[in-house]
Protein backbone atom coordinates (compact mmCIF):
# COMPACT_ATOMS: atom_id res chain seq x y z
CA MET A 1 0.00 0.00 0.00
CA LYS A 2 1.31 3.43 -0.92
CA PRO A 3 2.31 5.45 2.14
CA ARG A 4 0.43 8.66 2.89
CA HIS A 5 2.53 11.79 3.24
CA GLN A 6 2.05 14.78 5.51
CA VAL A 7 2.83 18.38 4.63
CA SER A 8 6.28 19.38 5.89
CA ARG A 9 7.63 22.72 6.96
CA ALA A 10 9.25 23.28 3.57
CA ALA A 11 5.86 23.34 1.84
CA VAL A 12 4.36 25.72 4.43
CA ASP A 13 7.25 28.18 4.13
CA LEU A 14 7.14 28.08 0.34
CA ILE A 15 3.41 28.85 0.28
CA LYS A 16 3.75 31.66 2.83
CA ARG A 17 6.55 33.25 0.78
CA PHE A 18 4.47 33.50 -2.39
CA GLU A 19 0.99 34.09 -0.89
CA GLY A 20 1.93 37.00 1.34
CA TYR A 21 0.36 37.90 4.69
CA ARG A 22 -2.84 39.98 4.84
CA GLN A 23 -3.92 41.04 8.32
CA LYS A 24 -7.30 42.43 7.30
CA ALA A 25 -9.78 40.80 4.95
CA ALA A 26 -9.83 42.15 1.37
CA GLN A 27 -12.49 41.65 -1.25
CA LEU A 28 -11.46 40.00 -4.49
CA PRO A 29 -12.64 41.13 -7.96
CA ASP A 30 -15.00 38.11 -8.13
CA GLY A 31 -16.74 39.16 -4.88
CA ARG A 32 -15.08 36.71 -2.49
CA TRP A 33 -12.94 37.73 0.49
CA THR A 34 -9.40 36.68 1.39
CA ILE A 35 -7.36 36.99 4.57
CA GLY A 36 -4.09 35.71 6.01
CA TYR A 37 -2.08 33.51 3.58
CA GLY A 38 -4.66 33.15 0.81
CA HIS A 39 -7.48 31.83 3.02
CA THR A 40 -10.92 32.35 1.41
CA LEU A 41 -13.22 29.76 3.05
CA THR A 42 -14.17 31.69 6.25
CA ALA A 43 -12.94 35.19 5.31
CA ARG A 44 -15.47 37.99 5.83
CA GLY A 45 -15.46 41.73 5.45
CA GLY A 46 -13.93 43.64 8.41
CA ALA A 47 -12.18 40.52 9.84
CA SER A 48 -8.56 40.60 10.90
CA VAL A 49 -6.09 37.86 11.85
CA SER A 50 -2.62 37.62 13.38
CA GLU A 51 0.30 35.81 11.76
CA GLN A 52 -0.04 32.77 14.04
CA ASP A 53 -3.74 32.49 13.28
CA ALA A 54 -3.08 33.03 9.57
CA GLU A 55 -0.63 30.10 9.60
CA ALA A 56 -3.19 27.95 11.40
CA LEU A 57 -5.76 28.79 8.71
CA LEU A 58 -3.18 27.81 6.08
CA LEU A 59 -2.60 24.43 7.70
CA TYR A 60 -6.34 23.91 7.79
CA ASP A 61 -6.59 24.62 4.05
CA LEU A 62 -3.67 22.27 3.30
CA ILE A 63 -5.51 19.29 4.82
CA THR A 64 -7.87 19.13 1.85
CA VAL A 65 -5.08 19.71 -0.67
CA ALA A 66 -2.80 17.04 0.83
CA HIS A 67 -5.68 14.55 0.86
CA ALA A 68 -6.31 15.18 -2.88
CA VAL A 69 -2.63 14.70 -3.70
CA ASN A 70 -2.44 11.44 -1.71
CA GLU A 71 -5.63 10.06 -3.23
CA HIS A 72 -4.95 10.80 -6.88
CA THR A 73 -1.23 10.04 -7.18
CA TYR A 74 -0.36 6.37 -7.72
CA ALA A 75 3.40 6.58 -8.27
CA PRO A 76 5.67 6.43 -5.21
CA LEU A 77 6.77 9.95 -4.17
CA ASN A 78 9.37 11.25 -1.73
CA GLN A 79 8.73 14.06 0.72
CA ASN A 80 10.07 16.86 -1.49
CA GLN A 81 7.99 15.73 -4.44
CA PHE A 82 4.87 15.57 -2.25
CA ASP A 83 5.51 19.05 -0.82
CA ALA A 84 6.05 20.53 -4.29
CA LEU A 85 2.81 18.98 -5.58
CA THR A 86 0.92 20.27 -2.52
CA CYS A 87 2.14 23.84 -3.12
CA PHE A 88 1.29 23.50 -6.82
CA ALA A 89 -2.23 22.16 -6.16
CA PHE A 90 -2.87 24.84 -3.51
CA ASN A 91 -2.07 27.54 -6.07
CA ILE A 92 -4.01 26.24 -9.10
CA GLY A 93 -6.82 24.54 -7.15
CA THR A 94 -7.53 20.86 -6.56
CA GLU A 95 -10.00 20.70 -9.47
CA ASN A 96 -7.39 21.95 -11.95
CA PHE A 97 -4.75 19.67 -10.40
CA MET A 98 -6.83 16.53 -10.90
CA ARG A 99 -7.25 17.21 -14.63
CA SER A 100 -3.78 18.64 -15.24
CA GLY A 101 -1.01 17.07 -17.29
CA VAL A 102 1.25 17.11 -14.22
CA LEU A 103 -0.86 14.49 -12.42
CA ARG A 104 -1.21 12.41 -15.59
CA ARG A 105 2.57 12.27 -16.10
CA ILE A 106 3.14 11.38 -12.44
CA ASN A 107 0.77 8.43 -12.70
CA GLU A 108 2.58 7.37 -15.88
CA GLY A 109 5.87 7.32 -13.97
CA SER A 110 7.39 10.27 -15.88
CA LEU A 111 8.40 12.34 -12.88
CA LEU A 112 10.89 14.57 -14.69
CA GLN A 113 8.34 15.42 -17.35
CA ALA A 114 5.79 16.16 -14.64
CA ALA A 115 8.20 18.65 -13.05
CA CYS A 116 8.67 20.40 -16.40
CA ALA A 117 4.89 20.44 -16.97
CA MET A 118 4.46 22.61 -13.85
CA GLU A 119 5.97 25.57 -15.71
CA MET A 120 3.02 25.68 -18.11
CA TRP A 121 0.77 27.13 -15.36
CA ARG A 122 2.15 30.66 -15.49
CA LYS A 123 -0.66 32.76 -16.99
CA ALA A 124 -3.51 34.67 -15.35
CA ASP A 125 -6.36 36.91 -16.48
CA PHE A 126 -5.38 40.55 -15.99
CA GLU A 127 -7.20 43.61 -17.34
CA GLY A 128 -9.29 41.55 -19.72
CA GLU A 129 -6.46 39.50 -21.23
CA ARG A 130 -4.56 36.35 -20.32
CA ILE A 131 -0.87 37.14 -19.89
CA VAL A 132 2.25 35.58 -18.40
CA ILE A 133 2.78 36.73 -14.81
CA ASP A 134 6.31 37.23 -13.54
CA ALA A 135 5.46 36.02 -10.01
CA LEU A 136 3.90 32.82 -11.35
CA VAL A 137 7.01 32.06 -13.42
CA ARG A 138 9.14 32.36 -10.27
CA ARG A 139 6.67 30.30 -8.21
CA ARG A 140 6.65 27.45 -10.74
CA ALA A 141 10.47 27.49 -10.80
CA ALA A 142 10.62 27.21 -6.99
CA GLU A 143 8.12 24.33 -6.94
CA LYS A 144 10.03 22.55 -9.70
CA THR A 145 13.27 22.97 -7.77
CA LEU A 146 11.72 21.51 -4.63
CA PHE A 147 10.26 18.62 -6.66
CA LEU A 148 13.67 17.74 -8.15
CA THR A 149 15.63 18.13 -4.90
CA PRO A 150 16.69 14.67 -3.62
CA PRO A 151 15.56 14.03 -0.01
CA ASP A 152 18.98 12.77 1.09
CA GLY A 153 20.86 15.66 -0.53
CA GLN A 154 22.79 13.32 -2.86
CA TRP A 155 22.62 15.03 -6.24
CA VAL A 156 23.34 13.05 -9.38
CA PRO A 157 26.72 14.26 -10.69
CA ALA A 158 26.80 15.73 -14.21
CA PRO A 159 30.32 17.15 -14.76
CA SER A 160 30.53 19.80 -17.45
CA PRO A 161 33.54 18.32 -19.31
CA VAL A 162 31.74 14.98 -19.60
CA LEU A 163 28.15 16.12 -20.24
CA ARG A 164 28.38 19.39 -22.14
CA PRO A 165 24.84 20.87 -22.37
CA LYS A 166 23.25 21.50 -25.77
CA VAL A 167 20.15 23.43 -26.78
CA ASP A 168 16.91 21.41 -26.66
CA TYR A 169 14.84 22.81 -29.53
CA ASP A 170 11.98 20.46 -28.65
CA ALA A 171 11.30 22.38 -25.41
CA SER A 172 10.00 25.44 -27.25
CA CYS A 173 7.04 25.82 -24.90
CA ALA A 174 9.40 26.45 -21.98
CA VAL A 175 10.14 29.93 -23.35
CA PRO A 176 7.11 32.24 -23.15
CA LYS A 177 6.26 34.06 -26.35
CA GLN A 178 5.20 37.08 -24.29
CA THR A 179 7.34 39.02 -21.90
CA PRO A 180 6.16 38.16 -18.34
CA ALA A 181 4.40 41.10 -16.70
CA ALA A 182 5.50 42.19 -13.22
CA VAL A 183 2.14 42.32 -11.39
CA SER A 184 1.76 42.95 -7.65
CA ALA A 185 -1.34 42.83 -5.42
CA ARG A 186 -1.98 45.63 -2.94
CA LEU A 187 -4.83 46.75 -0.73
CA GLU A 188 -6.92 49.87 -1.31
CA GLY A 189 -9.10 50.11 1.75
CA ASP A 190 -10.87 46.74 1.96
CA ARG A 191 -10.26 45.75 -1.66
CA ALA A 192 -7.38 43.78 -3.16
CA VAL A 193 -6.10 45.35 -6.38
CA ALA A 194 -3.54 43.89 -8.79
CA GLU A 195 -1.47 46.32 -10.83
CA ARG A 196 1.71 46.43 -12.87
CA GLU A 197 4.72 47.78 -11.07
CA GLU A 198 5.85 49.94 -14.03
CA GLY A 199 2.42 51.08 -15.16
CA PRO A 200 0.19 49.73 -17.93
CA ALA A 201 2.94 49.54 -20.54
CA PRO A 202 2.18 47.48 -23.63
CA LEU A 203 3.59 44.01 -23.72
CA THR A 204 6.70 43.39 -25.81
CA PRO A 205 6.47 39.99 -27.48
CA ALA A 206 9.59 37.96 -26.94
CA VAL A 207 10.92 36.14 -30.00
CA PRO A 208 11.50 32.47 -29.16
CA GLU A 209 14.51 30.63 -30.44
CA GLU A 210 12.52 28.51 -32.88
CA ASP A 211 11.26 31.62 -34.74
CA ALA A 212 14.70 33.20 -35.04
CA PRO A 213 17.02 32.00 -37.82
CA SER A 214 19.05 29.01 -36.76
CA ALA A 215 22.84 28.85 -36.77
CA SER A 216 22.88 26.87 -40.02
CA GLN A 217 20.60 29.40 -41.72
CA GLN A 218 22.79 32.28 -40.59
CA ALA A 219 25.92 30.50 -41.84
CA ALA A 220 24.28 29.78 -45.19
CA ALA A 221 23.25 33.44 -45.55
CA ALA A 222 26.81 34.58 -44.76
CA VAL A 223 28.29 32.21 -47.34
CA SER A 224 25.78 33.35 -49.98
CA ALA A 225 26.60 37.00 -49.34
CA ARG A 226 30.32 36.27 -49.57
CA LEU A 227 29.92 34.42 -52.88
CA GLU A 228 27.84 37.24 -54.32
CA ALA A 229 30.56 39.73 -53.36
CA ILE A 230 33.33 37.60 -54.91
CA LEU A 231 31.47 36.43 -58.02
CA ALA A 232 29.86 39.72 -58.92
CA ASP A 233 28.44 39.82 -62.42
CA GLU A 234 30.71 42.09 -64.48
CA PRO A 235 29.36 43.54 -67.75
CA VAL A 236 30.79 41.73 -70.75
CA ARG A 237 32.55 44.19 -73.02
CA PRO A 238 32.10 43.41 -76.73
CA VAL A 239 35.31 42.73 -78.65
CA VAL A 240 35.50 45.06 -81.64
CA LYS A 241 37.53 43.62 -84.48
CA PRO A 242 38.92 45.86 -87.20
CA VAL A 243 36.95 45.63 -90.39
CA GLN A 244 39.08 45.09 -93.47
CA ASP A 245 38.09 46.30 -96.89
CA LEU A 246 37.27 43.07 -98.64
CA ALA A 247 36.84 44.74 -101.99
CA MET A 248 40.45 45.96 -102.30
CA PRO A 249 43.14 43.24 -101.96
CA GLU A 250 46.23 44.03 -99.96
CA PRO A 251 49.33 44.92 -102.00
CA PRO A 252 51.88 42.11 -102.31
CA LEU A 253 54.84 42.22 -99.98
CA ALA A 254 58.26 43.12 -101.26
CA PRO A 255 60.69 40.23 -101.88
CA ALA A 256 62.56 39.28 -98.76
CA ALA A 257 66.22 40.18 -98.65
CA ALA A 258 68.72 37.36 -98.88
CA PRO A 259 70.13 36.32 -95.48
CA ALA A 260 73.71 37.19 -94.69
CA PRO A 261 76.26 34.37 -95.05
CA VAL A 262 77.01 32.50 -91.87
CA PRO A 263 80.76 32.38 -91.16
CA ALA A 264 82.24 28.93 -90.71
CA ALA A 265 83.19 27.99 -87.20
CA GLU A 266 86.90 27.46 -86.57
CA PRO A 267 87.84 23.94 -85.49
CA ALA A 268 88.73 23.58 -81.84
CA PRO A 269 92.29 22.40 -81.08
CA VAL A 270 92.63 18.84 -79.95
CA LEU A 271 95.42 17.10 -78.06
CA HIS A 272 95.50 13.93 -80.17
CA ALA A 273 95.42 13.32 -83.91
CA PRO A 274 94.31 16.30 -85.88
CA VAL A 275 90.87 16.15 -87.34
CA GLU A 276 90.08 17.68 -90.68
CA PRO A 277 87.63 20.53 -90.40
CA ALA A 278 84.14 19.90 -91.68
CA PRO A 279 83.30 21.55 -94.97
CA THR A 280 81.40 24.76 -94.61
CA LEU A 281 77.93 24.98 -96.04
CA GLU A 282 77.17 27.83 -98.32
CA PRO A 283 74.12 29.83 -97.37
CA PHE A 284 71.01 29.36 -99.38
CA ARG A 285 70.58 32.12 -101.97
CA LEU A 286 67.69 32.87 -104.12
CA THR A 287 68.48 33.19 -107.79
CA PRO A 288 66.84 35.82 -109.93
CA GLU A 289 65.08 32.98 -111.76
CA GLU A 290 63.34 32.03 -108.50
CA PRO A 291 61.69 35.14 -107.09
CA VAL A 292 59.93 35.06 -103.70
CA PRO A 293 56.21 34.62 -104.31
CA ALA A 294 54.16 37.52 -103.15
CA GLN A 295 51.43 37.05 -100.56
CA ALA A 296 48.20 36.12 -102.23
CA PRO A 297 45.30 38.51 -101.72
CA LEU A 298 42.42 37.45 -99.51
CA PHE A 299 39.86 37.49 -102.29
CA VAL A 300 40.91 36.99 -105.93
CA PRO A 301 38.21 37.39 -108.54
CA ASP A 302 37.60 34.30 -110.57
CA PRO A 303 38.96 34.46 -114.14
CA PRO A 304 36.33 34.82 -116.83
CA ALA A 305 35.05 31.50 -117.95
CA ALA A 306 36.06 30.51 -121.46
CA PRO A 307 33.19 30.16 -123.90
CA ALA A 308 32.02 26.64 -124.41
CA PRO A 309 33.28 25.18 -127.66
CA LEU A 310 30.80 24.55 -130.36
CA PRO A 311 29.96 20.99 -131.32
CA SER A 312 31.98 21.35 -134.47
CA GLN A 313 35.12 22.36 -132.50
CA VAL A 314 35.17 19.35 -130.17
CA GLU A 315 37.80 16.82 -131.21
CA PRO A 316 36.57 13.23 -131.33
CA THR A 317 38.01 10.89 -128.74
CA LEU A 318 39.54 7.51 -129.44
CA PHE A 319 36.44 5.75 -128.11
CA GLU A 320 34.14 7.76 -130.36
CA THR A 321 36.37 7.29 -133.42
CA ALA A 322 36.31 3.53 -133.02
CA ARG A 323 32.62 3.19 -132.41
CA GLU A 324 31.14 6.15 -134.31
CA PRO A 325 33.24 7.21 -137.29
CA ALA A 326 30.60 9.61 -138.54
CA ARG A 327 29.87 12.26 -135.92
CA SER A 328 26.57 13.94 -135.87
CA PRO A 329 26.01 17.47 -134.60
CA PHE A 330 24.08 15.96 -131.69
CA ASN A 331 26.95 13.86 -130.29
CA LEU A 332 28.91 15.75 -127.62
CA GLY A 333 31.99 14.27 -126.03
CA GLY A 334 30.83 10.68 -125.71
CA PHE A 335 27.21 11.44 -124.86
CA SER A 336 25.13 10.44 -127.79
CA THR A 337 21.46 10.96 -128.39
CA SER A 338 21.29 8.50 -131.22
CA GLY A 339 21.43 5.35 -129.08
CA ALA A 340 25.23 4.79 -129.28
CA GLU A 341 27.13 3.38 -126.31
CA VAL A 342 28.45 5.76 -123.65
CA ASP A 343 31.95 5.57 -122.18
CA ILE A 344 31.22 4.97 -118.52
CA GLN A 345 34.85 5.50 -117.53
CA THR A 346 34.66 9.12 -118.66
CA LEU A 347 31.80 9.88 -116.28
CA ASP A 348 32.76 11.49 -112.97
CA VAL A 349 29.54 10.50 -111.17
CA PRO A 350 29.68 7.73 -108.48
CA LEU A 351 27.20 5.01 -109.34
CA ASN A 352 27.00 3.58 -105.78
CA PRO A 353 27.15 6.43 -103.20
CA PRO A 354 28.19 5.40 -99.66
CA GLU A 355 25.27 4.42 -97.49
CA GLN A 356 24.60 6.21 -94.25
CA PRO A 357 24.00 4.14 -91.11
CA ALA A 358 20.29 4.07 -90.34
CA PHE A 359 20.40 3.08 -86.70
CA GLY A 360 23.72 4.38 -85.33
CA GLY A 361 27.00 2.52 -84.73
CA GLY A 362 27.24 -1.09 -83.62
CA SER A 363 29.01 -0.09 -80.40
CA LEU A 364 26.03 2.03 -79.38
CA LEU A 365 23.65 -0.90 -79.93
CA VAL A 366 25.91 -3.27 -77.97
CA SER A 367 26.10 -0.73 -75.10
CA LEU A 368 22.31 -0.46 -75.10
CA GLY A 369 22.00 -4.26 -74.92
CA LEU A 370 24.49 -4.48 -72.03
CA LEU A 371 22.60 -1.72 -70.21
CA GLY A 372 19.35 -3.66 -70.65
CA LEU A 373 20.95 -6.85 -69.24
CA ALA A 374 22.34 -4.89 -66.28
CA LEU A 375 18.96 -3.33 -65.49
CA PHE A 376 17.18 -6.68 -65.79
CA GLY A 377 19.69 -8.52 -63.58
CA GLY A 378 19.84 -5.72 -61.03
CA GLY A 379 16.03 -5.57 -60.77
CA VAL A 380 15.74 -9.35 -60.27
CA LEU A 381 18.48 -9.41 -57.61
CA TRP A 382 16.90 -6.41 -55.87
CA ASN A 383 13.48 -8.13 -55.68
CA LEU A 384 15.07 -11.33 -54.37
CA SER A 385 16.89 -9.38 -51.63
CA VAL A 386 13.73 -7.62 -50.37
CA ALA A 387 11.29 -10.48 -50.94
CA SER A 388 11.40 -11.50 -47.26
CA ASP A 389 10.11 -8.11 -46.05
CA PRO A 390 6.37 -7.68 -46.83
CA GLY A 391 6.44 -3.96 -46.00
CA LEU A 392 8.71 -3.00 -48.91
CA THR A 393 6.07 -3.17 -51.67
CA ALA A 394 7.17 0.12 -53.25
CA VAL A 395 10.77 -1.06 -53.34
CA ARG A 396 9.78 -4.30 -55.09
CA MET A 397 7.76 -2.34 -57.65
CA PHE A 398 10.87 -0.26 -58.36
CA GLY A 399 12.85 -3.47 -58.95
CA TRP A 400 10.22 -4.89 -61.34
CA GLY A 401 10.12 -1.61 -63.25
CA ALA A 402 13.92 -1.69 -63.68
CA SER A 403 13.69 -5.30 -64.95
CA VAL A 404 11.00 -4.39 -67.52
CA ILE A 405 13.05 -1.41 -68.76
CA GLY A 406 16.11 -3.67 -69.07
CA VAL A 407 14.18 -6.23 -71.16
CA ILE A 408 12.90 -3.46 -73.45
CA CYS A 409 16.39 -1.99 -73.94
CA PHE A 410 17.88 -5.44 -74.71
CA ALA A 411 15.10 -6.32 -77.18
CA VAL A 412 15.40 -3.00 -79.04
CA SER A 413 19.20 -3.26 -79.25
CA ALA A 414 19.04 -6.89 -80.49
CA TYR A 415 16.47 -6.00 -83.14
CA LEU A 416 18.42 -2.99 -84.44
CA LEU A 417 21.71 -4.91 -84.41
CA LEU A 418 20.24 -7.83 -86.38
CA ARG A 419 18.65 -5.41 -88.82
CA LYS A 420 21.97 -3.60 -89.26
CA LEU A 421 23.88 -6.86 -89.86
CA GLY A 422 21.23 -8.11 -92.34
CA GLY A 423 21.92 -5.30 -94.80
CA PRO A 424 19.94 -2.24 -95.99
CA ASP A 425 16.23 -2.49 -96.47
CA LEU A 426 14.50 -2.00 -99.76
CA ASP A 427 12.57 0.87 -98.26
CA ASP A 428 15.80 2.73 -97.51
CA GLU A 429 16.98 2.42 -101.14
């Protein structure tokens, strides 16, 4: 049976610190009255209480709260955890505590998550809006600290060189998106009034870390800016080439002067048998009969075409003389219109022009066939490797698709290769 805990002095002092002492009863905005350390059950207008009596009223109120915590928590708790939950339930109310995520996580056995869930109860309705209260943020932090304090004082060591902390981006809700307002409660006659310490200044929304650009985004932006500065787009200047007058050819260059004769080198003295000097070579000289050709102009007009000779001026060839002794005015250079034979050797027209490949080179077709075999084999092996896992249906479909594509590629390459080796088709001729 789970042991029942009693409220310790640590819980009473923590509640007294955050509730504050009120000697005289004050009326709340909802019409109720409060006195002492947040006591509302028997408070009436005009009543007053001493500090000892206010503490006794607090202990009386904590009986109900401690009973609710003992009855609705099923996980084993130590004294500090029970005191922290009692302070938390006293502040938010037992009804809110029983339907809160803190109690649900405690019953699940997630005590650390339950401690972090306390920090979510930090807002209150003030001046018609629900805002984050500075005092509630501090109160939740104190209750969380008490909850996580070990009862024997033996803290779990976490040395900084061994466990270097990193940012937990998943805990985005821990940072309030609004700046907590510093609100204090004071008495004006017999009424309790809550007001901001620095006046009704507008709230400044705090930007959480998840909305700000991350470190990787900032680094990427810096690199992009640096690349834009280095690789700035410079305007391309057009290259203007000098235009030459194509109509007028350039004048020919003057003949190059003959090179000066190269003197023969004197033989070097040797210590042994004398060696006859090599005969000197005379320099190359250009004779007047061989002038240096002038540079040809860029564009030379074609010479006027000679007029075609008349049929009567064409001399008969040997082939025509042997086969057609009597020339007719309609027989021109071997081409006869009277049905005589034609000298095929004199024709400069290829009878069988080279054929162009219709389907590409053989190496391309062989490569296509090898690619088809590779795709087919790879797809089959892939399906065999994932056949034991029924959840990889999409992966098996990818393997079958690769096999089908491989079969198509191999069939097309085989057909084109056989057609190429079989010779040209009649349709192509």
